[in-house]
Amino acid sequence: MVGGGGNYSVVAYKPRNPDDVRVKVSLSKEVVYVMEGDRPLLVAATTVGVPAKPTPRGHFHVTRKEAEKRSGSYGFWANGSDVRPGTSDHPLGGEYIGYPMPWWVEWEPEYGFHQGYVWPVPRSHGCLRLHPNVAPKFFALVRIGTPVDIAETQPEDATIGAHVPRPRDYLDPDPPPSFMVSQRVFAKPEGPLLQEQ
């Protein structure tokens, strides 16, 4: 899996009314809150954009979901068993295969939530990365049209966001390029994703 896996465990609860689900992101705390009114359905750490490529702030809506998305910009050039990191605009020979971004949930063109390493500091190109044990649950909770509010802070920061554990998957070694260009990177989780509360 992209971003490892590890034992970072976050519970996600089924909404009573999916129309009432809202996503809030605190950029300063690097936390994602999936809320149904005042009820937290999922609270998890995220990685936000670096200062040169910040995560957009504002009020958005989920516009697209894609479980097996790959980047159109960053990835690998594969020529037989020779697989080298690169960008789509600088051919290295062979076939371009984008970096995997499983469980893609887009809120703005070219920006979305997706599975990846969750660093304790800004590290993405503006997307919001979620741990492999969180991303499929988040994907299951939201739908096209779900509101997304991204701000420097959120009211929940002082309460349910005060002690959100952070994964350490960023310390894992990168998977081999041969794995990253394969379909195995899109392995589906086992068991139910959402719990009753």
N, C-alpha and C. Protein backbone atom coordinates (compact mmCIF):
# COMPACT_ATOMS: atom_id res chain seq x y z
N MET A 1 0.83 -1.19 0.00
CA MET A 1 0.00 0.00 0.00
C MET A 1 0.87 1.25 0.00
N VAL A 2 0.39 2.29 -0.64
CA VAL A 2 1.09 3.57 -0.62
C VAL A 2 1.02 4.10 0.80
N GLY A 3 2.15 4.48 1.35
CA GLY A 3 2.16 5.01 2.70
C GLY A 3 2.18 3.93 3.75
N GLY A 4 2.49 2.72 3.37
CA GLY A 4 2.61 1.64 4.35
C GLY A 4 1.26 1.22 4.89
N GLY A 5 1.14 1.08 6.14
CA GLY A 5 -0.11 0.66 6.76
C GLY A 5 0.03 0.84 8.25
N GLY A 6 0.84 -0.02 8.84
CA GLY A 6 1.10 0.12 10.26
C GLY A 6 -0.15 -0.11 11.08
N ASN A 7 -0.06 0.27 12.35
CA ASN A 7 -1.16 0.00 13.26
C ASN A 7 -1.93 1.27 13.62
N TYR A 8 -1.88 2.28 12.79
CA TYR A 8 -2.66 3.50 13.03
C TYR A 8 -4.12 3.17 12.81
N SER A 9 -4.90 3.21 13.87
CA SER A 9 -6.29 2.78 13.79
C SER A 9 -7.21 3.94 14.11
N VAL A 10 -8.14 4.20 13.22
CA VAL A 10 -9.13 5.25 13.40
C VAL A 10 -10.50 4.65 13.13
N VAL A 11 -11.43 4.87 14.05
CA VAL A 11 -12.79 4.35 13.89
C VAL A 11 -13.60 5.35 13.06
N ALA A 12 -14.43 4.82 12.19
CA ALA A 12 -15.35 5.65 11.41
C ALA A 12 -16.76 5.12 11.62
N TYR A 13 -17.70 6.03 11.88
CA TYR A 13 -19.08 5.66 12.18
C TYR A 13 -20.01 5.95 11.01
N LYS A 14 -21.01 5.09 10.84
CA LYS A 14 -22.01 5.30 9.80
C LYS A 14 -22.83 6.55 10.14
N PRO A 15 -23.08 7.39 9.14
CA PRO A 15 -23.96 8.53 9.41
C PRO A 15 -25.41 8.09 9.49
N ARG A 16 -26.20 8.80 10.29
CA ARG A 16 -27.63 8.54 10.34
C ARG A 16 -28.30 9.09 9.08
N ASN A 17 -27.81 10.26 8.63
CA ASN A 17 -28.32 10.88 7.41
C ASN A 17 -27.12 11.34 6.57
N PRO A 18 -26.77 10.62 5.50
CA PRO A 18 -25.61 10.98 4.68
C PRO A 18 -25.66 12.41 4.13
N ASP A 19 -26.88 13.00 4.01
CA ASP A 19 -27.00 14.38 3.53
C ASP A 19 -26.42 15.39 4.52
N ASP A 20 -26.30 14.99 5.80
CA ASP A 20 -25.81 15.90 6.83
C ASP A 20 -24.30 15.80 7.06
N VAL A 21 -23.61 14.98 6.29
CA VAL A 21 -22.17 14.80 6.48
C VAL A 21 -21.43 16.03 5.94
N ARG A 22 -20.47 16.51 6.72
CA ARG A 22 -19.63 17.66 6.37
C ARG A 22 -18.17 17.31 6.67
N VAL A 23 -17.26 17.83 5.86
CA VAL A 23 -15.83 17.64 6.10
C VAL A 23 -15.23 18.98 6.49
N LYS A 24 -14.45 18.98 7.57
CA LYS A 24 -13.72 20.17 8.00
C LYS A 24 -12.25 19.81 8.09
N VAL A 25 -11.40 20.71 7.63
CA VAL A 25 -9.96 20.50 7.69
C VAL A 25 -9.32 21.67 8.42
N SER A 26 -8.52 21.36 9.43
CA SER A 26 -7.72 22.35 10.15
C SER A 26 -6.30 22.27 9.62
N LEU A 27 -5.86 23.30 8.91
CA LEU A 27 -4.51 23.30 8.35
C LEU A 27 -3.45 23.43 9.44
N SER A 28 -3.72 24.20 10.48
CA SER A 28 -2.72 24.38 11.55
C SER A 28 -2.54 23.10 12.37
N LYS A 29 -3.63 22.38 12.63
CA LYS A 29 -3.55 21.13 13.40
C LYS A 29 -3.25 19.93 12.50
N GLU A 30 -3.44 20.10 11.18
CA GLU A 30 -3.30 19.02 10.21
C GLU A 30 -4.20 17.84 10.59
N VAL A 31 -5.49 18.19 10.73
CA VAL A 31 -6.51 17.22 11.13
C VAL A 31 -7.72 17.35 10.22
N VAL A 32 -8.30 16.20 9.87
CA VAL A 32 -9.54 16.14 9.10
C VAL A 32 -10.65 15.67 10.04
N TYR A 33 -11.77 16.41 10.02
CA TYR A 33 -12.95 16.04 10.79
C TYR A 33 -14.08 15.74 9.81
N VAL A 34 -14.66 14.55 9.91
CA VAL A 34 -15.88 14.26 9.17
C VAL A 34 -17.00 14.30 10.21
N MET A 35 -17.92 15.24 10.02
CA MET A 35 -18.93 15.51 11.03
C MET A 35 -20.33 15.29 10.48
N GLU A 36 -21.23 14.91 11.37
CA GLU A 36 -22.67 14.89 11.09
C GLU A 36 -23.30 15.75 12.18
N GLY A 37 -23.53 17.02 11.88
CA GLY A 37 -23.92 17.97 12.91
C GLY A 37 -22.76 18.14 13.88
N ASP A 38 -23.01 17.91 15.19
CA ASP A 38 -21.94 17.99 16.20
C ASP A 38 -21.30 16.62 16.45
N ARG A 39 -21.73 15.61 15.73
CA ARG A 39 -21.27 14.23 15.96
C ARG A 39 -20.08 13.92 15.06
N PRO A 40 -18.91 13.62 15.64
CA PRO A 40 -17.77 13.24 14.81
C PRO A 40 -17.93 11.81 14.29
N LEU A 41 -17.81 11.65 12.97
CA LEU A 41 -17.87 10.33 12.37
C LEU A 41 -16.47 9.75 12.16
N LEU A 42 -15.51 10.64 11.91
CA LEU A 42 -14.11 10.23 11.71
C LEU A 42 -13.25 11.45 11.99
N VAL A 43 -12.18 11.25 12.77
CA VAL A 43 -11.21 12.31 13.06
C VAL A 43 -9.83 11.70 12.85
N ALA A 44 -9.03 12.31 11.98
CA ALA A 44 -7.74 11.71 11.66
C ALA A 44 -6.71 12.77 11.26
N ALA A 45 -5.46 12.41 11.44
CA ALA A 45 -4.35 13.25 11.01
C ALA A 45 -4.26 13.27 9.49
N THR A 46 -3.74 14.37 8.96
CA THR A 46 -3.53 14.50 7.52
C THR A 46 -2.21 15.21 7.27
N THR A 47 -1.75 15.17 6.04
CA THR A 47 -0.60 15.97 5.61
C THR A 47 -1.12 17.04 4.67
N VAL A 48 -0.66 18.28 4.89
CA VAL A 48 -1.12 19.42 4.08
C VAL A 48 -0.01 19.88 3.13
N GLY A 49 -0.35 20.83 2.28
CA GLY A 49 0.58 21.32 1.28
C GLY A 49 1.72 22.16 1.85
N VAL A 50 2.85 22.11 1.17
CA VAL A 50 4.02 22.92 1.54
C VAL A 50 3.73 24.38 1.21
N PRO A 51 4.48 25.33 1.81
CA PRO A 51 4.22 26.75 1.54
C PRO A 51 4.26 27.12 0.05
N ALA A 52 5.13 26.49 -0.73
CA ALA A 52 5.22 26.80 -2.16
C ALA A 52 4.02 26.27 -2.95
N LYS A 53 3.37 25.22 -2.42
CA LYS A 53 2.19 24.64 -3.06
C LYS A 53 1.15 24.36 -1.96
N PRO A 54 0.56 25.42 -1.41
CA PRO A 54 -0.32 25.25 -0.25
C PRO A 54 -1.65 24.58 -0.61
N THR A 55 -2.25 24.00 0.40
CA THR A 55 -3.60 23.47 0.27
C THR A 55 -4.57 24.64 0.16
N PRO A 56 -5.44 24.63 -0.85
CA PRO A 56 -6.40 25.74 -0.99
C PRO A 56 -7.30 25.86 0.24
N ARG A 57 -7.58 27.09 0.63
CA ARG A 57 -8.50 27.38 1.73
C ARG A 57 -9.84 27.82 1.15
N GLY A 58 -10.91 27.51 1.89
CA GLY A 58 -12.22 27.97 1.46
C GLY A 58 -13.30 26.93 1.64
N HIS A 59 -14.44 27.21 1.04
CA HIS A 59 -15.61 26.32 1.12
C HIS A 59 -15.78 25.65 -0.23
N PHE A 60 -15.77 24.33 -0.22
CA PHE A 60 -15.82 23.53 -1.45
C PHE A 60 -16.87 22.43 -1.29
N HIS A 61 -17.00 21.61 -2.33
CA HIS A 61 -17.83 20.41 -2.30
C HIS A 61 -17.07 19.30 -3.00
N VAL A 62 -17.30 18.07 -2.59
CA VAL A 62 -16.71 16.92 -3.27
C VAL A 62 -17.26 16.88 -4.69
N THR A 63 -16.35 16.86 -5.68
CA THR A 63 -16.77 16.88 -7.08
C THR A 63 -16.51 15.56 -7.79
N ARG A 64 -15.62 14.73 -7.23
CA ARG A 64 -15.30 13.46 -7.91
C ARG A 64 -14.70 12.49 -6.90
N LYS A 65 -14.99 11.20 -7.10
CA LYS A 65 -14.39 10.13 -6.29
C LYS A 65 -13.85 9.07 -7.25
N GLU A 66 -12.66 8.58 -6.97
CA GLU A 66 -12.03 7.56 -7.81
C GLU A 66 -11.14 6.68 -6.93
N ALA A 67 -11.52 5.43 -6.77
CA ALA A 67 -10.80 4.54 -5.85
C ALA A 67 -9.39 4.21 -6.33
N GLU A 68 -9.16 4.20 -7.65
CA GLU A 68 -7.86 3.77 -8.18
C GLU A 68 -7.23 4.86 -9.05
N LYS A 69 -7.09 6.04 -8.51
CA LYS A 69 -6.53 7.18 -9.27
C LYS A 69 -5.01 7.15 -9.29
N ARG A 70 -4.46 7.63 -10.39
CA ARG A 70 -3.01 7.84 -10.52
C ARG A 70 -2.76 9.29 -10.93
N SER A 71 -1.62 9.82 -10.51
CA SER A 71 -1.25 11.19 -10.82
C SER A 71 -0.97 11.36 -12.31
N GLY A 72 -1.39 12.48 -12.84
CA GLY A 72 -1.08 12.81 -14.22
C GLY A 72 0.23 13.56 -14.36
N SER A 73 0.85 13.93 -13.23
CA SER A 73 2.08 14.73 -13.26
C SER A 73 3.31 14.00 -12.73
N TYR A 74 3.15 13.32 -11.60
CA TYR A 74 4.27 12.66 -10.93
C TYR A 74 4.09 11.16 -11.01
N GLY A 75 5.18 10.43 -11.25
CA GLY A 75 5.05 8.99 -11.33
C GLY A 75 6.33 8.30 -11.75
N PHE A 76 6.19 7.38 -12.69
CA PHE A 76 7.30 6.52 -13.09
C PHE A 76 7.28 6.31 -14.60
N TRP A 77 8.45 6.05 -15.15
CA TRP A 77 8.60 5.63 -16.54
C TRP A 77 9.04 4.18 -16.52
N ALA A 78 8.22 3.31 -17.10
CA ALA A 78 8.48 1.87 -17.07
C ALA A 78 8.84 1.39 -18.47
N ASN A 79 9.98 0.71 -18.55
CA ASN A 79 10.43 0.13 -19.81
C ASN A 79 10.87 -1.30 -19.46
N GLY A 80 9.93 -2.23 -19.57
CA GLY A 80 10.22 -3.60 -19.13
C GLY A 80 10.39 -3.62 -17.62
N SER A 81 11.48 -4.19 -17.13
CA SER A 81 11.73 -4.25 -15.69
C SER A 81 12.44 -2.99 -15.18
N ASP A 82 12.78 -2.07 -16.08
CA ASP A 82 13.41 -0.81 -15.69
C ASP A 82 12.31 0.21 -15.38
N VAL A 83 12.16 0.56 -14.10
CA VAL A 83 11.14 1.50 -13.66
C VAL A 83 11.84 2.64 -12.92
N ARG A 84 11.70 3.86 -13.47
CA ARG A 84 12.39 5.00 -12.88
C ARG A 84 11.40 6.12 -12.54
N PRO A 85 11.59 6.77 -11.37
CA PRO A 85 10.74 7.90 -11.02
C PRO A 85 10.92 9.03 -12.02
N GLY A 86 9.83 9.76 -12.27
CA GLY A 86 9.91 10.89 -13.17
C GLY A 86 8.59 11.63 -13.23
N THR A 87 8.54 12.61 -14.11
CA THR A 87 7.32 13.38 -14.31
C THR A 87 6.81 13.15 -15.73
N SER A 88 5.53 13.36 -15.91
CA SER A 88 4.91 13.07 -17.21
C SER A 88 5.44 13.97 -18.32
N ASP A 89 5.95 15.16 -17.95
CA ASP A 89 6.41 16.10 -18.97
C ASP A 89 7.90 15.96 -19.32
N HIS A 90 8.58 14.99 -18.72
CA HIS A 90 9.98 14.73 -19.04
C HIS A 90 10.17 13.24 -19.32
N PRO A 91 9.89 12.82 -20.56
CA PRO A 91 9.97 11.39 -20.91
C PRO A 91 11.35 10.79 -20.65
N LEU A 92 11.33 9.61 -20.05
CA LEU A 92 12.57 8.86 -19.79
C LEU A 92 12.61 7.57 -20.59
N GLY A 93 11.68 7.41 -21.50
CA GLY A 93 11.60 6.18 -22.29
C GLY A 93 10.64 5.20 -21.67
N GLY A 94 9.87 4.52 -22.48
CA GLY A 94 8.91 3.54 -22.00
C GLY A 94 7.55 4.18 -21.78
N GLU A 95 6.78 3.60 -20.86
CA GLU A 95 5.41 4.03 -20.59
C GLU A 95 5.36 4.82 -19.29
N TYR A 96 4.66 5.96 -19.31
CA TYR A 96 4.46 6.74 -18.09
C TYR A 96 3.32 6.12 -17.28
N ILE A 97 3.57 5.89 -15.99
CA ILE A 97 2.55 5.37 -15.08
C ILE A 97 2.53 6.29 -13.86
N GLY A 98 1.42 6.96 -13.63
CA GLY A 98 1.32 7.94 -12.56
C GLY A 98 1.46 7.34 -11.17
N TYR A 99 1.92 8.17 -10.25
CA TYR A 99 2.03 7.77 -8.85
C TYR A 99 0.64 7.44 -8.32
N PRO A 100 0.50 6.33 -7.62
CA PRO A 100 -0.84 5.95 -7.13
C PRO A 100 -1.35 6.89 -6.04
N MET A 101 -2.61 7.27 -6.17
CA MET A 101 -3.29 8.11 -5.18
C MET A 101 -4.63 7.46 -4.86
N PRO A 102 -4.59 6.27 -4.21
CA PRO A 102 -5.84 5.53 -3.94
C PRO A 102 -6.84 6.35 -3.13
N TRP A 103 -8.10 6.03 -3.35
CA TRP A 103 -9.22 6.61 -2.61
C TRP A 103 -9.29 8.12 -2.82
N TRP A 104 -9.12 8.55 -4.06
CA TRP A 104 -9.14 9.96 -4.42
C TRP A 104 -10.53 10.56 -4.21
N VAL A 105 -10.58 11.68 -3.47
CA VAL A 105 -11.81 12.45 -3.26
C VAL A 105 -11.47 13.89 -3.60
N GLU A 106 -11.93 14.34 -4.76
CA GLU A 106 -11.56 15.67 -5.27
C GLU A 106 -12.54 16.73 -4.78
N TRP A 107 -12.00 17.89 -4.38
CA TRP A 107 -12.85 19.01 -4.00
C TRP A 107 -12.57 20.24 -4.87
N GLU A 108 -11.53 20.20 -5.66
CA GLU A 108 -11.13 21.30 -6.54
C GLU A 108 -10.30 20.65 -7.64
N PRO A 109 -10.38 21.12 -8.88
CA PRO A 109 -9.58 20.48 -9.92
C PRO A 109 -8.11 20.34 -9.51
N GLU A 110 -7.61 19.11 -9.58
CA GLU A 110 -6.22 18.75 -9.25
C GLU A 110 -5.91 18.73 -7.75
N TYR A 111 -6.92 18.91 -6.91
CA TYR A 111 -6.73 18.83 -5.46
C TYR A 111 -7.73 17.83 -4.88
N GLY A 112 -7.24 16.98 -3.98
CA GLY A 112 -8.13 16.02 -3.37
C GLY A 112 -7.52 15.39 -2.13
N PHE A 113 -8.33 14.63 -1.43
CA PHE A 113 -7.88 13.75 -0.36
C PHE A 113 -7.45 12.45 -1.03
N HIS A 114 -6.38 11.83 -0.55
CA HIS A 114 -6.00 10.52 -1.07
C HIS A 114 -5.06 9.83 -0.10
N GLN A 115 -4.93 8.54 -0.27
CA GLN A 115 -4.04 7.74 0.57
C GLN A 115 -2.59 8.10 0.28
N GLY A 116 -1.79 8.17 1.34
CA GLY A 116 -0.37 8.46 1.19
C GLY A 116 0.29 8.59 2.55
N TYR A 117 1.59 8.80 2.53
CA TYR A 117 2.33 8.99 3.78
C TYR A 117 1.81 10.23 4.50
N VAL A 118 1.58 10.11 5.81
CA VAL A 118 1.09 11.23 6.62
C VAL A 118 2.25 11.74 7.47
N TRP A 119 2.87 12.81 6.98
CA TRP A 119 3.99 13.44 7.67
C TRP A 119 3.49 14.38 8.76
N PRO A 120 4.30 14.67 9.79
CA PRO A 120 3.89 15.59 10.84
C PRO A 120 4.14 17.05 10.46
N VAL A 121 4.58 17.29 9.25
CA VAL A 121 4.84 18.64 8.74
C VAL A 121 4.25 18.75 7.34
N PRO A 122 4.00 19.98 6.84
CA PRO A 122 3.51 20.11 5.46
C PRO A 122 4.46 19.41 4.49
N ARG A 123 3.89 18.61 3.57
CA ARG A 123 4.75 17.79 2.72
C ARG A 123 4.16 17.52 1.33
N SER A 124 2.88 17.87 1.11
CA SER A 124 2.24 17.52 -0.16
C SER A 124 2.33 18.70 -1.14
N HIS A 125 1.81 18.46 -2.36
CA HIS A 125 1.72 19.52 -3.37
C HIS A 125 0.36 20.21 -3.30
N GLY A 126 -0.28 20.18 -2.14
CA GLY A 126 -1.57 20.82 -1.93
C GLY A 126 -2.69 19.86 -1.60
N CYS A 127 -2.51 18.59 -1.95
CA CYS A 127 -3.51 17.59 -1.61
C CYS A 127 -3.47 17.29 -0.11
N LEU A 128 -4.49 16.59 0.35
CA LEU A 128 -4.56 16.17 1.76
C LEU A 128 -4.42 14.66 1.82
N ARG A 129 -3.31 14.21 2.39
CA ARG A 129 -3.02 12.77 2.44
C ARG A 129 -3.62 12.14 3.68
N LEU A 130 -4.11 10.91 3.51
CA LEU A 130 -4.68 10.14 4.61
C LEU A 130 -3.99 8.78 4.70
N HIS A 131 -3.85 8.30 5.91
CA HIS A 131 -3.22 7.00 6.17
C HIS A 131 -4.00 5.88 5.48
N PRO A 132 -3.33 4.79 5.08
CA PRO A 132 -4.03 3.68 4.42
C PRO A 132 -5.18 3.08 5.23
N ASN A 133 -5.13 3.18 6.56
CA ASN A 133 -6.23 2.66 7.37
C ASN A 133 -7.36 3.69 7.52
N VAL A 134 -7.17 4.90 7.00
CA VAL A 134 -8.17 5.97 7.09
C VAL A 134 -8.81 6.26 5.74
N ALA A 135 -8.00 6.29 4.68
CA ALA A 135 -8.47 6.74 3.36
C ALA A 135 -9.72 6.00 2.86
N PRO A 136 -9.79 4.66 2.94
CA PRO A 136 -11.01 4.00 2.45
C PRO A 136 -12.24 4.31 3.30
N LYS A 137 -12.04 4.55 4.59
CA LYS A 137 -13.17 4.91 5.47
C LYS A 137 -13.68 6.30 5.10
N PHE A 138 -12.74 7.22 4.89
CA PHE A 138 -13.11 8.57 4.47
C PHE A 138 -13.88 8.52 3.14
N PHE A 139 -13.36 7.73 2.21
CA PHE A 139 -13.98 7.57 0.89
C PHE A 139 -15.42 7.07 1.03
N ALA A 140 -15.64 6.15 1.98
CA ALA A 140 -16.98 5.58 2.18
C ALA A 140 -17.94 6.58 2.82
N LEU A 141 -17.41 7.53 3.59
CA LEU A 141 -18.26 8.48 4.31
C LEU A 141 -18.77 9.64 3.45
N VAL A 142 -17.99 10.03 2.44
CA VAL A 142 -18.36 11.21 1.65
C VAL A 142 -18.96 10.79 0.32
N ARG A 143 -19.65 11.72 -0.30
CA ARG A 143 -20.20 11.46 -1.63
C ARG A 143 -20.13 12.74 -2.44
N ILE A 144 -20.44 12.65 -3.70
CA ILE A 144 -20.42 13.83 -4.55
C ILE A 144 -21.37 14.87 -3.95
N GLY A 145 -20.86 16.08 -3.75
CA GLY A 145 -21.65 17.15 -3.16
C GLY A 145 -21.41 17.38 -1.69
N THR A 146 -20.72 16.47 -0.99
CA THR A 146 -20.43 16.66 0.43
C THR A 146 -19.64 17.96 0.61
N PRO A 147 -20.08 18.87 1.52
CA PRO A 147 -19.34 20.10 1.74
C PRO A 147 -17.98 19.84 2.38
N VAL A 148 -16.99 20.64 1.96
CA VAL A 148 -15.62 20.56 2.49
C VAL A 148 -15.19 21.98 2.87
N ASP A 149 -14.89 22.19 4.14
CA ASP A 149 -14.46 23.49 4.64
C ASP A 149 -13.00 23.38 5.07
N ILE A 150 -12.13 24.12 4.40
CA ILE A 150 -10.69 24.07 4.70
C ILE A 150 -10.26 25.43 5.21
N ALA A 151 -9.75 25.47 6.45
CA ALA A 151 -9.36 26.73 7.07
C ALA A 151 -8.13 26.53 7.94
N GLU A 152 -7.54 27.62 8.36
CA GLU A 152 -6.36 27.55 9.23
C GLU A 152 -6.71 26.84 10.54
N THR A 153 -7.89 27.12 11.07
CA THR A 153 -8.34 26.47 12.30
C THR A 153 -9.81 26.08 12.14
N GLN A 154 -10.26 25.19 13.02
CA GLN A 154 -11.66 24.78 13.08
C GLN A 154 -12.08 24.81 14.56
N PRO A 155 -13.38 25.04 14.83
CA PRO A 155 -13.83 25.05 16.23
C PRO A 155 -13.51 23.75 16.96
N GLU A 156 -13.47 22.64 16.24
CA GLU A 156 -13.22 21.33 16.86
C GLU A 156 -11.76 21.15 17.33
N ASP A 157 -10.86 22.05 16.92
CA ASP A 157 -9.45 21.92 17.29
C ASP A 157 -9.23 21.85 18.80
N ALA A 158 -10.01 22.61 19.54
CA ALA A 158 -9.81 22.69 20.99
C ALA A 158 -10.47 21.54 21.75
N THR A 159 -11.35 20.80 21.08
CA THR A 159 -12.06 19.72 21.78
C THR A 159 -11.64 18.37 21.20
N ILE A 160 -12.37 17.88 20.20
CA ILE A 160 -12.07 16.55 19.66
C ILE A 160 -10.75 16.51 18.89
N GLY A 161 -10.23 17.67 18.52
CA GLY A 161 -8.96 17.69 17.79
C GLY A 161 -7.74 17.92 18.67
N ALA A 162 -7.96 18.03 19.97
CA ALA A 162 -6.85 18.40 20.86
C ALA A 162 -5.79 17.32 20.98
N HIS A 163 -6.18 16.07 20.89
CA HIS A 163 -5.21 14.97 21.10
C HIS A 163 -5.35 13.90 20.03
N VAL A 164 -5.35 14.30 18.78
CA VAL A 164 -5.46 13.33 17.69
C VAL A 164 -4.11 12.64 17.49
N PRO A 165 -4.06 11.31 17.60
CA PRO A 165 -2.79 10.61 17.39
C PRO A 165 -2.34 10.75 15.93
N ARG A 166 -1.03 10.71 15.73
CA ARG A 166 -0.48 10.84 14.38
C ARG A 166 0.25 9.55 14.02
N PRO A 167 0.06 9.10 12.79
CA PRO A 167 0.78 7.89 12.36
C PRO A 167 2.27 8.20 12.15
N ARG A 168 3.05 7.13 12.10
CA ARG A 168 4.49 7.27 11.86
C ARG A 168 4.88 6.54 10.57
N ASP A 169 3.91 6.41 9.64
CA ASP A 169 4.16 5.69 8.40
C ASP A 169 5.19 6.39 7.52
N TYR A 170 5.41 7.69 7.74
CA TYR A 170 6.39 8.42 6.95
C TYR A 170 7.82 7.91 7.19
N LEU A 171 8.00 7.15 8.25
CA LEU A 171 9.31 6.54 8.54
C LEU A 171 9.52 5.24 7.78
N ASP A 172 8.44 4.70 7.18
CA ASP A 172 8.55 3.45 6.42
C ASP A 172 9.38 3.68 5.17
N PRO A 173 10.12 2.66 4.72
CA PRO A 173 10.82 2.81 3.44
C PRO A 173 9.82 2.86 2.29
N ASP A 174 10.20 3.56 1.23
CA ASP A 174 9.34 3.61 0.04
C ASP A 174 9.21 2.22 -0.54
N PRO A 175 8.00 1.84 -0.98
CA PRO A 175 7.85 0.56 -1.67
C PRO A 175 8.66 0.59 -2.97
N PRO A 176 9.07 -0.57 -3.48
CA PRO A 176 9.83 -0.59 -4.73
C PRO A 176 9.00 -0.06 -5.90
N PRO A 177 9.64 0.62 -6.86
CA PRO A 177 8.91 1.14 -8.01
C PRO A 177 8.08 0.08 -8.74
N SER A 178 8.57 -1.16 -8.79
CA SER A 178 7.82 -2.22 -9.47
C SER A 178 6.45 -2.44 -8.82
N PHE A 179 6.38 -2.27 -7.50
CA PHE A 179 5.10 -2.38 -6.78
C PHE A 179 4.22 -1.16 -7.07
N MET A 180 4.82 0.02 -7.10
CA MET A 180 4.06 1.26 -7.27
C MET A 180 3.38 1.35 -8.64
N VAL A 181 3.94 0.68 -9.64
CA VAL A 181 3.33 0.72 -10.97
C VAL A 181 2.36 -0.44 -11.20
N SER A 182 2.23 -1.32 -10.21
CA SER A 182 1.35 -2.49 -10.35
C SER A 182 -0.04 -2.20 -9.80
N GLN A 183 -0.99 -3.07 -10.11
CA GLN A 183 -2.35 -2.95 -9.57
C GLN A 183 -2.41 -3.35 -8.11
N ARG A 184 -1.37 -4.04 -7.61
CA ARG A 184 -1.37 -4.48 -6.21
C ARG A 184 -1.44 -3.30 -5.24
N VAL A 185 -1.04 -2.13 -5.71
CA VAL A 185 -1.04 -0.95 -4.86
C VAL A 185 -2.47 -0.53 -4.50
N PHE A 186 -3.45 -1.00 -5.26
CA PHE A 186 -4.85 -0.66 -5.02
C PHE A 186 -5.60 -1.76 -4.27
N ALA A 187 -4.92 -2.48 -3.41
CA ALA A 187 -5.55 -3.56 -2.63
C ALA A 187 -6.71 -3.00 -1.81
N LYS A 188 -7.81 -3.72 -1.79
CA LYS A 188 -9.00 -3.29 -1.04
C LYS A 188 -8.91 -3.77 0.41
N PRO A 189 -9.39 -2.96 1.36
CA PRO A 189 -9.36 -3.37 2.76
C PRO A 189 -10.37 -4.48 3.02
N GLU A 190 -10.12 -5.24 4.07
CA GLU A 190 -11.02 -6.32 4.46
C GLU A 190 -11.97 -5.84 5.54
N GLY A 191 -13.15 -6.43 5.55
CA GLY A 191 -14.11 -6.14 6.62
C GLY A 191 -14.87 -4.85 6.40
N PRO A 192 -15.86 -4.59 7.27
CA PRO A 192 -16.65 -3.36 7.15
C PRO A 192 -15.81 -2.13 7.48
N LEU A 193 -16.04 -1.05 6.75
CA LEU A 193 -15.28 0.18 6.97
C LEU A 193 -15.92 1.08 8.03
N LEU A 194 -17.25 1.06 8.10
CA LEU A 194 -17.96 1.97 9.00
C LEU A 194 -18.68 1.18 10.08
N GLN A 195 -18.61 1.70 11.30
CA GLN A 195 -19.25 1.04 12.45
C GLN A 195 -20.54 1.74 12.84
N GLU A 196 -21.43 0.97 13.46
CA GLU A 196 -22.65 1.56 14.02
C GLU A 196 -22.27 2.24 15.34
N GLN A 197 -22.99 3.31 15.66
CA GLN A 197 -22.72 3.97 16.95
C GLN A 197 -24.00 4.05 17.76
